[in-house]
Amino acid sequence: MTNCLRWPTLLSIAVALAACAVGLRAALIWKRASEVPVNPGWEDEILAPAETSDRHSGWIFGMLNASVESARLNRRAAIWTAWAVVLSVASALIGALANCL
């Protein structure tokens, strides 16, 4: 059997592919975090409050809610990214040690 088909090499490739998938998942979550819409609390301009201060309050409330959601998604993406790094390092170590086994 050639060196390329030994189980450590195949395991290294599998872990590298898993790291790629996990990293792409993190990127998608970060993309969603950057696209969180701001909702002031009314669906249409006709339903918006007539008072200017109420309108400002609605937009401020909407921005705060969007910030909280974006922060939640950023946290999830950071965790996924950390796992991608761990898997990448594991793949590199397995690949490096494959020649020793």
Foldseek 3Di string as FASTA:
>chain_A
DDLCPDPLNVVLVVLLVVLVVLLVVLVVLLVVLVVQDFFLPDDDPVPQDPDPVSSVNSRVVSVVVSNVVSVVSNVVSVVSNVVSVVSNVVSVVSVVCSVVD
